[in-house]
């Protein structure tokens, strides 16, 4: 069929379905009104069902996805605490992300991390903290962290671990035990903390 003829057929079918008969044949109008009304009613019912299902299912799907994401983050957090390398970090800044879960804010914390086996580096941690834990992670404070073994620039703050502040020798690039005045490896004086 050619395109103009196809369009004309579709227009005629639409007119008949809505009860309009351009030829003036009353039998076609009666068939069109009855058939069109039934088809129109079925379409409205189906459309209403689809809208109802989508409006009920969409929030449920969103909640399930968010909960799975939170469970995955919690699992990763716990894994890093269990398997990560321990280090000490100084809090550089603290800011809210705008997310709250059970009245606990998700905060973004910028840290200066001092690991035992490599030079210090900056990292960012996002964690849920209670209102009582927030005063323990203010800028300038030392906190214990656990460094992710898979992604060494990702850290998790461990507020239950003791804070061990190693000294870092700028000359031989090795760490010294907490409280040392001179580097045990090269003898250079260590910075006071």
N, C-alpha and C. Protein backbone atom coordinates (compact mmCIF):
# COMPACT_ATOMS: atom_id res chain seq x y z
N UNK A 1 0.84 -1.17 0.00
CA UNK A 1 0.00 0.00 0.00
C UNK A 1 0.89 1.24 0.00
N UNK A 2 0.43 2.25 -0.72
CA UNK A 2 1.20 3.48 -0.75
C UNK A 2 0.94 4.26 0.53
N UNK A 3 1.81 5.20 0.80
CA UNK A 3 1.73 5.95 2.05
C UNK A 3 0.46 6.79 2.15
N UNK A 4 0.02 7.55 1.12
CA UNK A 4 -1.22 8.32 1.26
C UNK A 4 -2.43 7.42 1.51
N UNK A 5 -2.47 6.27 0.84
CA UNK A 5 -3.60 5.35 1.01
C UNK A 5 -3.60 4.77 2.43
N UNK A 6 -2.41 4.46 2.97
CA UNK A 6 -2.29 3.94 4.33
C UNK A 6 -2.78 4.98 5.34
N UNK A 7 -2.40 6.21 5.16
CA UNK A 7 -2.83 7.28 6.07
C UNK A 7 -4.34 7.45 6.00
N UNK A 8 -4.88 7.41 4.79
CA UNK A 8 -6.33 7.55 4.63
C UNK A 8 -7.06 6.40 5.31
N UNK A 9 -6.55 5.18 5.21
CA UNK A 9 -7.15 4.02 5.85
C UNK A 9 -7.12 4.17 7.37
N UNK A 10 -6.01 4.66 7.90
CA UNK A 10 -5.90 4.84 9.34
C UNK A 10 -6.85 5.93 9.83
N UNK A 11 -6.98 7.00 9.09
CA UNK A 11 -7.91 8.07 9.47
C UNK A 11 -9.34 7.55 9.45
N UNK A 12 -9.71 6.79 8.41
CA UNK A 12 -11.07 6.23 8.33
C UNK A 12 -11.33 5.27 9.48
N UNK A 13 -10.35 4.43 9.79
CA UNK A 13 -10.51 3.50 10.90
C UNK A 13 -10.68 4.26 12.22
N UNK A 14 -9.94 5.34 12.39
CA UNK A 14 -10.07 6.14 13.60
C UNK A 14 -11.42 6.80 13.69
N UNK A 15 -11.93 7.30 12.57
CA UNK A 15 -13.25 7.92 12.56
C UNK A 15 -14.34 6.91 12.89
N UNK A 16 -14.24 5.72 12.33
CA UNK A 16 -15.23 4.67 12.61
C UNK A 16 -15.17 4.24 14.07
N UNK A 17 -13.96 4.13 14.62
CA UNK A 17 -13.81 3.70 16.02
C UNK A 17 -14.40 4.72 16.98
N UNK A 18 -14.41 5.98 16.61
CA UNK A 18 -14.97 7.00 17.49
C UNK A 18 -16.43 7.30 17.19
N UNK A 19 -17.02 6.60 16.20
CA UNK A 19 -18.44 6.77 15.91
C UNK A 19 -18.72 7.75 14.81
N UNK A 20 -17.74 8.27 14.13
CA UNK A 20 -17.94 9.21 13.04
C UNK A 20 -17.89 8.44 11.72
N UNK A 21 -18.91 8.60 10.89
CA UNK A 21 -18.93 7.93 9.59
C UNK A 21 -19.02 8.98 8.51
N UNK A 22 -17.94 9.19 7.77
CA UNK A 22 -17.96 10.21 6.73
C UNK A 22 -18.91 9.88 5.57
N UNK A 23 -19.30 8.58 5.37
CA UNK A 23 -20.16 8.22 4.25
C UNK A 23 -21.64 8.39 4.59
N UNK A 24 -21.98 8.59 5.86
CA UNK A 24 -23.36 8.76 6.28
C UNK A 24 -24.12 7.45 6.45
N UNK A 25 -23.46 6.32 6.42
CA UNK A 25 -24.11 5.01 6.57
C UNK A 25 -24.42 4.79 8.04
N UNK A 26 -25.72 4.73 8.47
CA UNK A 26 -26.08 4.58 9.87
C UNK A 26 -25.62 3.26 10.47
N UNK A 27 -25.52 2.19 9.65
CA UNK A 27 -25.06 0.90 10.18
C UNK A 27 -23.59 0.99 10.62
N UNK A 28 -22.78 1.70 9.82
CA UNK A 28 -21.38 1.84 10.18
C UNK A 28 -21.22 2.70 11.44
N UNK A 29 -22.07 3.71 11.57
CA UNK A 29 -21.99 4.56 12.75
C UNK A 29 -22.33 3.75 13.99
N UNK A 30 -23.37 2.92 13.93
CA UNK A 30 -23.76 2.11 15.07
C UNK A 30 -22.66 1.14 15.44
N UNK A 31 -22.07 0.52 14.44
CA UNK A 31 -20.97 -0.41 14.72
C UNK A 31 -19.80 0.35 15.31
N UNK A 32 -19.51 1.53 14.71
CA UNK A 32 -18.38 2.33 15.19
C UNK A 32 -18.57 2.80 16.61
N UNK A 33 -19.76 3.24 16.97
CA UNK A 33 -20.00 3.73 18.32
C UNK A 33 -19.87 2.59 19.31
N UNK A 34 -20.50 1.47 19.03
CA UNK A 34 -20.43 0.33 19.96
C UNK A 34 -19.02 -0.21 20.09
N UNK A 35 -18.40 -0.49 18.96
CA UNK A 35 -17.04 -1.03 18.97
C UNK A 35 -16.04 -0.04 19.53
N UNK A 36 -16.21 1.23 19.15
CA UNK A 36 -15.32 2.26 19.64
C UNK A 36 -15.43 2.47 21.13
N UNK A 37 -16.66 2.42 21.63
CA UNK A 37 -16.88 2.60 23.07
C UNK A 37 -16.23 1.47 23.86
N UNK A 38 -16.40 0.26 23.38
CA UNK A 38 -15.82 -0.89 24.09
C UNK A 38 -14.29 -0.82 24.04
N UNK A 39 -13.77 -0.54 22.86
CA UNK A 39 -12.31 -0.46 22.74
C UNK A 39 -11.76 0.69 23.59
N UNK A 40 -12.45 1.83 23.53
CA UNK A 40 -12.03 2.99 24.32
C UNK A 40 -12.07 2.66 25.82
N UNK A 41 -13.10 1.99 26.28
CA UNK A 41 -13.23 1.61 27.70
C UNK A 41 -12.11 0.65 28.10
N UNK A 42 -11.83 -0.32 27.24
CA UNK A 42 -10.76 -1.29 27.53
C UNK A 42 -9.41 -0.57 27.61
N UNK A 43 -9.20 0.35 26.67
CA UNK A 43 -7.93 1.09 26.68
C UNK A 43 -7.80 1.93 27.95
N UNK A 44 -8.87 2.58 28.37
CA UNK A 44 -8.85 3.40 29.59
C UNK A 44 -8.58 2.51 30.81
N UNK A 45 -9.25 1.35 30.87
CA UNK A 45 -9.04 0.43 32.00
C UNK A 45 -7.59 -0.06 32.03
N UNK A 46 -7.07 -0.46 30.87
CA UNK A 46 -5.68 -0.93 30.82
C UNK A 46 -4.71 0.19 31.20
N UNK A 47 -4.96 1.39 30.69
CA UNK A 47 -4.11 2.52 31.02
C UNK A 47 -4.15 2.80 32.53
N UNK A 48 -5.33 2.74 33.12
CA UNK A 48 -5.46 2.96 34.57
C UNK A 48 -4.73 1.89 35.36
N UNK A 49 -4.81 0.64 34.90
CA UNK A 49 -4.09 -0.44 35.59
C UNK A 49 -2.58 -0.24 35.50
N UNK A 50 -2.11 0.14 34.33
CA UNK A 50 -0.67 0.37 34.16
C UNK A 50 -0.21 1.51 35.06
N UNK A 51 -0.95 2.60 35.09
CA UNK A 51 -0.59 3.75 35.94
C UNK A 51 -0.59 3.33 37.41
N UNK A 52 -1.59 2.57 37.84
CA UNK A 52 -1.66 2.12 39.23
C UNK A 52 -0.49 1.21 39.58
N UNK A 53 -0.19 0.27 38.70
CA UNK A 53 0.93 -0.66 38.96
C UNK A 53 2.25 0.10 39.02
N UNK A 54 2.45 1.02 38.09
CA UNK A 54 3.70 1.80 38.07
C UNK A 54 3.81 2.67 39.32
N UNK A 55 2.69 3.31 39.71
CA UNK A 55 2.76 4.21 40.87
C UNK A 55 2.97 3.45 42.18
N UNK A 56 2.58 2.19 42.23
CA UNK A 56 2.81 1.38 43.43
C UNK A 56 4.19 0.72 43.37
N UNK A 57 4.55 0.22 42.19
CA UNK A 57 5.80 -0.55 42.06
C UNK A 57 7.04 0.34 42.08
N UNK A 58 6.96 1.53 41.50
CA UNK A 58 8.16 2.39 41.41
C UNK A 58 8.74 2.72 42.77
N UNK A 59 7.95 3.19 43.75
CA UNK A 59 8.56 3.46 45.06
C UNK A 59 9.13 2.21 45.73
N UNK A 60 8.47 1.08 45.55
CA UNK A 60 8.97 -0.16 46.14
C UNK A 60 10.31 -0.53 45.52
N UNK A 61 10.41 -0.41 44.20
CA UNK A 61 11.68 -0.73 43.53
C UNK A 61 12.77 0.23 43.98
N UNK A 62 12.46 1.50 44.10
CA UNK A 62 13.46 2.49 44.54
C UNK A 62 13.93 2.16 45.95
N UNK A 63 13.01 1.83 46.85
CA UNK A 63 13.38 1.49 48.23
C UNK A 63 14.26 0.25 48.26
N UNK A 64 13.93 -0.77 47.48
CA UNK A 64 14.74 -2.00 47.44
C UNK A 64 16.14 -1.70 46.93
N UNK A 65 16.26 -0.90 45.88
CA UNK A 65 17.58 -0.56 45.32
C UNK A 65 18.41 0.22 46.34
N UNK A 66 17.80 1.20 47.00
CA UNK A 66 18.52 1.99 48.00
C UNK A 66 18.97 1.11 49.16
N UNK A 67 18.10 0.23 49.63
CA UNK A 67 18.46 -0.65 50.75
C UNK A 67 19.59 -1.60 50.36
N UNK A 68 19.55 -2.14 49.15
CA UNK A 68 20.64 -3.02 48.69
C UNK A 68 21.96 -2.25 48.63
N UNK A 69 21.90 -1.00 48.13
CA UNK A 69 23.10 -0.18 48.05
C UNK A 69 23.67 0.11 49.43
N UNK A 70 22.80 0.42 50.39
CA UNK A 70 23.26 0.67 51.76
C UNK A 70 23.85 -0.59 52.38
N UNK A 71 23.22 -1.73 52.13
CA UNK A 71 23.74 -3.00 52.67
C UNK A 71 25.11 -3.31 52.08
N UNK A 72 25.28 -3.03 50.78
CA UNK A 72 26.57 -3.26 50.13
C UNK A 72 27.65 -2.36 50.72
N UNK A 73 27.30 -1.07 50.93
CA UNK A 73 28.27 -0.14 51.53
C UNK A 73 28.65 -0.57 52.94
N UNK A 74 27.67 -1.02 53.72
CA UNK A 74 27.94 -1.48 55.09
C UNK A 74 28.86 -2.70 55.06
N UNK A 75 28.61 -3.60 54.12
CA UNK A 75 29.44 -4.80 53.99
C UNK A 75 30.88 -4.43 53.63
N UNK A 76 31.05 -3.49 52.68
CA UNK A 76 32.39 -3.03 52.30
C UNK A 76 33.07 -2.34 53.48
N UNK A 77 32.33 -1.52 54.21
CA UNK A 77 32.84 -0.81 55.38
C UNK A 77 33.37 -1.81 56.41
N UNK A 78 32.56 -2.82 56.72
CA UNK A 78 32.96 -3.83 57.71
C UNK A 78 34.15 -4.65 57.22
N UNK A 79 34.20 -4.93 55.92
CA UNK A 79 35.32 -5.70 55.37
C UNK A 79 36.63 -4.91 55.50
N UNK A 80 36.58 -3.61 55.21
CA UNK A 80 37.79 -2.78 55.32
C UNK A 80 38.24 -2.71 56.78
N UNK A 81 37.29 -2.58 57.72
CA UNK A 81 37.65 -2.56 59.14
C UNK A 81 38.32 -3.86 59.56
N UNK A 82 37.86 -4.97 58.99
CA UNK A 82 38.38 -6.28 59.39
C UNK A 82 39.72 -6.61 58.72
N UNK A 83 39.86 -6.28 57.42
CA UNK A 83 41.05 -6.72 56.67
C UNK A 83 42.03 -5.60 56.35
N UNK A 84 41.65 -4.35 56.59
CA UNK A 84 42.51 -3.23 56.19
C UNK A 84 43.71 -3.03 57.09
N UNK A 85 44.68 -2.28 56.57
CA UNK A 85 45.88 -1.92 57.34
C UNK A 85 45.53 -0.76 58.26
N UNK A 86 45.99 -0.83 59.49
CA UNK A 86 45.72 0.21 60.49
C UNK A 86 46.65 1.39 60.28
N UNK A 87 46.12 2.57 60.50
CA UNK A 87 46.92 3.79 60.40
C UNK A 87 46.27 4.86 61.26
N UNK A 88 46.93 5.98 61.34
CA UNK A 88 46.41 7.13 62.07
C UNK A 88 46.19 8.25 61.07
N UNK A 89 45.15 9.03 61.29
CA UNK A 89 44.86 10.14 60.38
C UNK A 89 44.48 11.37 61.18
N UNK A 90 44.74 12.53 60.58
CA UNK A 90 44.32 13.80 61.15
C UNK A 90 43.13 14.30 60.34
N UNK A 91 42.08 14.69 61.02
CA UNK A 91 40.89 15.20 60.33
C UNK A 91 41.20 16.60 59.80
N UNK A 92 41.03 16.79 58.49
CA UNK A 92 41.25 18.10 57.88
C UNK A 92 39.95 18.89 57.76
N UNK A 93 38.88 18.20 57.40
CA UNK A 93 37.59 18.89 57.30
C UNK A 93 36.46 17.88 57.44
N UNK A 94 35.30 18.41 57.78
CA UNK A 94 34.11 17.59 58.00
C UNK A 94 32.93 18.33 57.40
N UNK A 95 32.11 17.62 56.58
CA UNK A 95 30.93 18.27 56.00
C UNK A 95 29.81 17.25 55.85
N UNK A 96 28.59 17.77 55.88
CA UNK A 96 27.43 16.90 55.71
C UNK A 96 27.20 16.63 54.23
N UNK A 97 26.66 15.43 53.94
CA UNK A 97 26.32 15.09 52.56
C UNK A 97 24.85 15.35 52.28
N UNK A 98 24.04 15.54 53.33
CA UNK A 98 22.61 15.74 53.16
C UNK A 98 21.81 14.47 53.33
N UNK A 99 22.49 13.34 53.49
CA UNK A 99 21.81 12.06 53.67
C UNK A 99 21.72 11.74 55.15
N UNK A 100 20.53 11.32 55.58
CA UNK A 100 20.32 10.89 56.97
C UNK A 100 19.66 9.52 56.94
N UNK A 101 20.16 8.62 57.76
CA UNK A 101 19.56 7.30 57.89
C UNK A 101 19.38 7.05 59.38
N UNK A 102 18.13 6.84 59.80
CA UNK A 102 17.79 6.67 61.21
C UNK A 102 18.34 7.82 62.05
N UNK A 103 18.16 9.03 61.57
CA UNK A 103 18.61 10.26 62.24
C UNK A 103 20.12 10.34 62.40
N UNK A 104 20.85 9.54 61.64
CA UNK A 104 22.31 9.59 61.65
C UNK A 104 22.78 10.23 60.35
N UNK A 105 23.55 11.31 60.41
CA UNK A 105 23.99 11.95 59.17
C UNK A 105 25.14 11.20 58.50
N UNK A 106 25.10 11.19 57.17
CA UNK A 106 26.24 10.70 56.39
C UNK A 106 27.15 11.90 56.24
N UNK A 107 28.40 11.78 56.69
CA UNK A 107 29.33 12.90 56.63
C UNK A 107 30.50 12.56 55.72
N UNK A 108 31.05 13.59 55.12
CA UNK A 108 32.23 13.47 54.29
C UNK A 108 33.40 14.05 55.09
N UNK A 109 34.44 13.24 55.27
CA UNK A 109 35.56 13.63 56.11
C UNK A 109 36.85 13.58 55.28
N UNK A 110 37.53 14.70 55.19
CA UNK A 110 38.82 14.74 54.50
C UNK A 110 39.91 14.50 55.54
N UNK A 111 40.82 13.57 55.23
CA UNK A 111 41.81 13.11 56.20
C UNK A 111 43.24 13.22 55.65
N UNK A 112 44.18 13.44 56.56
CA UNK A 112 45.61 13.32 56.26
C UNK A 112 46.06 12.03 56.94
N UNK A 113 46.27 10.97 56.13
CA UNK A 113 46.54 9.63 56.65
C UNK A 113 48.05 9.40 56.75
N UNK A 114 48.48 8.82 57.90
CA UNK A 114 49.90 8.53 58.14
C UNK A 114 50.08 7.03 58.33
N UNK A 115 50.21 6.26 57.23
CA UNK A 115 50.41 4.82 57.37
C UNK A 115 51.84 4.49 57.82
N UNK A 116 52.03 3.27 58.27
CA UNK A 116 53.35 2.83 58.75
C UNK A 116 54.32 2.55 57.60
N UNK A 117 53.78 2.10 56.46
CA UNK A 117 54.65 1.58 55.40
C UNK A 117 54.76 2.45 54.16
N UNK A 118 54.25 3.66 54.19
CA UNK A 118 54.35 4.54 53.03
C UNK A 118 54.19 5.98 53.47
N UNK A 119 54.51 6.93 52.61
CA UNK A 119 54.39 8.34 52.98
C UNK A 119 52.94 8.73 53.26
N UNK A 120 52.73 9.79 54.02
CA UNK A 120 51.37 10.26 54.30
C UNK A 120 50.65 10.66 53.00
N UNK A 121 49.32 10.59 53.05
CA UNK A 121 48.52 10.96 51.89
C UNK A 121 47.17 11.48 52.37
N UNK A 122 46.47 12.18 51.47
CA UNK A 122 45.13 12.68 51.79
C UNK A 122 44.10 11.70 51.26
N UNK A 123 43.02 11.53 52.03
CA UNK A 123 41.93 10.64 51.63
C UNK A 123 40.61 11.25 52.07
N UNK A 124 39.55 10.73 51.51
CA UNK A 124 38.21 11.18 51.87
C UNK A 124 37.40 9.96 52.28
N UNK A 125 36.71 10.07 53.41
CA UNK A 125 35.86 8.98 53.89
C UNK A 125 34.44 9.50 54.03
N UNK A 126 33.47 8.69 53.62
CA UNK A 126 32.06 9.02 53.84
C UNK A 126 31.50 7.96 54.77
N UNK A 127 30.98 8.41 55.91
CA UNK A 127 30.48 7.47 56.90
C UNK A 127 29.24 8.01 57.60
N UNK A 128 28.43 7.08 58.08
CA UNK A 128 27.32 7.44 58.95
C UNK A 128 27.87 7.58 60.35
N UNK A 129 27.57 8.68 61.00
CA UNK A 129 28.02 8.90 62.37
C UNK A 129 26.82 9.29 63.21
N UNK A 130 26.85 8.90 64.47
CA UNK A 130 25.80 9.36 65.37
C UNK A 130 26.14 10.78 65.82
N UNK A 131 25.16 11.46 66.38
CA UNK A 131 25.39 12.82 66.87
C UNK A 131 26.45 12.83 67.96
N UNK A 132 26.59 11.72 68.69
CA UNK A 132 27.60 11.65 69.75
C UNK A 132 29.01 11.41 69.20
N UNK A 133 29.12 10.86 67.99
CA UNK A 133 30.44 10.59 67.41
C UNK A 133 31.01 11.79 66.67
N UNK A 134 30.17 12.70 66.24
CA UNK A 134 30.63 13.85 65.45
C UNK A 134 31.68 14.69 66.18
N UNK A 135 31.56 14.93 67.51
CA UNK A 135 32.61 15.71 68.18
C UNK A 135 33.99 15.02 68.17
N UNK A 136 34.04 13.72 67.91
CA UNK A 136 35.31 12.98 67.90
C UNK A 136 36.04 13.07 66.56
N UNK A 137 35.40 13.68 65.55
CA UNK A 137 36.04 13.78 64.23
C UNK A 137 36.06 15.22 63.73
N UNK A 138 36.39 16.13 64.61
CA UNK A 138 36.48 17.54 64.25
C UNK A 138 37.86 17.84 63.67
N UNK A 139 37.98 18.88 62.82
CA UNK A 139 39.27 19.22 62.23
C UNK A 139 40.37 19.37 63.28
N UNK A 140 41.52 18.77 62.98
CA UNK A 140 42.68 18.81 63.87
C UNK A 140 42.80 17.59 64.76
N UNK A 141 41.72 16.80 64.90
CA UNK A 141 41.76 15.63 65.78
C UNK A 141 42.38 14.43 65.07
N UNK A 142 43.01 13.57 65.86
CA UNK A 142 43.59 12.32 65.35
C UNK A 142 42.57 11.20 65.50
N UNK A 143 42.46 10.37 64.47
CA UNK A 143 41.56 9.22 64.50
C UNK A 143 42.27 8.00 63.94
N UNK A 144 41.83 6.83 64.39
CA UNK A 144 42.34 5.57 63.83
C UNK A 144 41.57 5.27 62.55
N UNK A 145 42.28 4.81 61.54
CA UNK A 145 41.64 4.45 60.28
C UNK A 145 42.12 3.08 59.84
N UNK A 146 41.35 2.51 58.94
CA UNK A 146 41.71 1.25 58.33
C UNK A 146 41.78 1.50 56.82
N UNK A 147 42.91 1.13 56.20
CA UNK A 147 43.14 1.39 54.78
C UNK A 147 42.70 0.17 53.98
N UNK A 148 41.87 0.39 52.96
CA UNK A 148 41.37 -0.68 52.11
C UNK A 148 42.53 -1.35 51.38
N UNK A 149 42.70 -2.68 51.51
CA UNK A 149 43.81 -3.35 50.83
C UNK A 149 43.66 -3.36 49.30
N UNK A 150 42.43 -3.31 48.80
CA UNK A 150 42.20 -3.32 47.36
C UNK A 150 42.41 -1.95 46.74
N UNK A 151 41.91 -0.92 47.41
CA UNK A 151 42.04 0.46 46.94
C UNK A 151 42.75 1.25 48.04
N UNK A 152 44.08 1.36 48.00
CA UNK A 152 44.84 1.95 49.10
C UNK A 152 44.54 3.41 49.40
N UNK A 153 43.84 4.12 48.54
CA UNK A 153 43.50 5.51 48.83
C UNK A 153 42.15 5.63 49.52
N UNK A 154 41.45 4.52 49.73
CA UNK A 154 40.15 4.53 50.40
C UNK A 154 40.35 4.09 51.85
N UNK A 155 39.80 4.88 52.78
CA UNK A 155 39.96 4.57 54.20
C UNK A 155 38.60 4.60 54.90
N UNK A 156 38.56 3.92 56.03
CA UNK A 156 37.38 3.90 56.89
C UNK A 156 37.82 4.29 58.28
N UNK A 157 37.10 5.21 58.90
CA UNK A 157 37.43 5.64 60.26
C UNK A 157 36.94 4.60 61.24
N UNK A 158 37.81 4.23 62.19
CA UNK A 158 37.46 3.26 63.23
C UNK A 158 37.50 3.98 64.58
N UNK A 159 36.34 4.43 65.04
CA UNK A 159 36.29 5.18 66.29
C UNK A 159 36.43 4.29 67.52
N UNK A 160 36.45 2.97 67.33
CA UNK A 160 36.62 2.04 68.45
C UNK A 160 38.07 1.63 68.66
N UNK A 161 38.95 1.94 67.71
CA UNK A 161 40.36 1.55 67.81
C UNK A 161 41.17 2.65 68.48
N UNK A 162 42.24 2.26 69.19
CA UNK A 162 43.10 3.29 69.80
C UNK A 162 43.87 4.05 68.72
N UNK A 163 44.17 5.29 69.01
CA UNK A 163 44.90 6.13 68.06
C UNK A 163 46.39 6.02 68.34
N UNK A 164 47.13 5.54 67.35
CA UNK A 164 48.57 5.42 67.45
C UNK A 164 49.16 6.41 66.45
N UNK A 165 49.92 7.36 66.94
CA UNK A 165 50.44 8.40 66.06
C UNK A 165 51.91 8.14 65.78
N UNK A 166 52.22 7.52 64.64
CA UNK A 166 53.62 7.29 64.30
C UNK A 166 54.26 8.59 63.78
N UNK A 167 55.54 8.67 63.92
CA UNK A 167 56.29 9.81 63.36
C UNK A 167 56.82 9.38 62.00
N UNK A 168 56.88 10.28 61.08
CA UNK A 168 57.36 9.97 59.73
C UNK A 168 58.66 10.71 59.49
N UNK A 169 59.71 9.96 59.17
CA UNK A 169 61.02 10.56 58.90
C UNK A 169 61.05 11.06 57.46
N UNK A 170 61.29 12.35 57.31
CA UNK A 170 61.31 12.94 55.97
C UNK A 170 62.61 12.63 55.23
N UNK A 171 63.62 12.16 55.97
CA UNK A 171 64.91 11.88 55.34
C UNK A 171 64.98 10.48 54.75
N UNK A 172 64.62 9.48 55.55
CA UNK A 172 64.72 8.10 55.05
C UNK A 172 63.37 7.54 54.61
N UNK A 173 62.30 8.34 54.76
CA UNK A 173 60.96 7.97 54.32
C UNK A 173 60.45 6.68 54.98
N UNK A 174 60.69 6.59 56.30
CA UNK A 174 60.19 5.46 57.08
C UNK A 174 59.51 5.99 58.33
N UNK A 175 58.68 5.16 58.91
CA UNK A 175 57.98 5.59 60.11
C UNK A 175 58.75 5.17 61.36
N UNK A 176 58.50 5.91 62.42
CA UNK A 176 59.12 5.62 63.71
C UNK A 176 58.01 5.45 64.73
N UNK A 177 58.26 4.71 65.81
CA UNK A 177 57.23 4.50 66.82
C UNK A 177 56.79 5.81 67.46
N UNK A 178 55.58 5.80 67.97
CA UNK A 178 55.01 6.97 68.63
C UNK A 178 55.91 7.39 69.80
N UNK A 179 56.14 8.68 69.92
CA UNK A 179 56.94 9.21 71.02
C UNK A 179 58.43 9.27 70.73
N UNK A 180 58.90 8.78 69.57
CA UNK A 180 60.33 8.81 69.25
C UNK A 180 60.77 10.25 68.95
N UNK A 181 61.97 10.58 69.39
CA UNK A 181 62.51 11.91 69.12
C UNK A 181 63.42 11.88 67.89
N UNK A 182 64.08 10.73 67.69
CA UNK A 182 64.96 10.56 66.53
C UNK A 182 64.54 9.31 65.77
N UNK A 183 64.79 9.32 64.47
CA UNK A 183 64.43 8.18 63.62
C UNK A 183 65.31 6.99 63.99
N UNK A 184 64.73 5.81 64.28
CA UNK A 184 65.53 4.65 64.60
C UNK A 184 66.28 4.11 63.39
N UNK A 185 65.93 4.53 62.18
CA UNK A 185 66.58 4.01 60.98
C UNK A 185 67.79 4.84 60.54
N UNK A 186 67.66 6.19 60.63
CA UNK A 186 68.75 7.04 60.15
C UNK A 186 69.26 8.02 61.21
N UNK A 187 68.56 8.12 62.34
CA UNK A 187 69.00 8.99 63.43
C UNK A 187 68.59 10.45 63.28
N UNK A 188 67.90 10.79 62.22
CA UNK A 188 67.49 12.19 62.01
C UNK A 188 66.45 12.59 63.06
N UNK A 189 66.41 13.87 63.44
CA UNK A 189 65.40 14.32 64.37
C UNK A 189 64.01 14.25 63.73
N UNK A 190 63.02 13.85 64.52
CA UNK A 190 61.65 13.71 64.02
C UNK A 190 60.82 14.93 64.41
N UNK A 191 59.84 15.29 63.59
CA UNK A 191 58.99 16.42 63.95
C UNK A 191 58.15 16.09 65.17
N UNK A 192 57.90 17.10 65.99
CA UNK A 192 57.08 16.94 67.20
C UNK A 192 55.62 17.07 66.82
N UNK A 193 54.78 16.22 67.40
CA UNK A 193 53.35 16.33 67.10
C UNK A 193 52.58 16.80 68.29
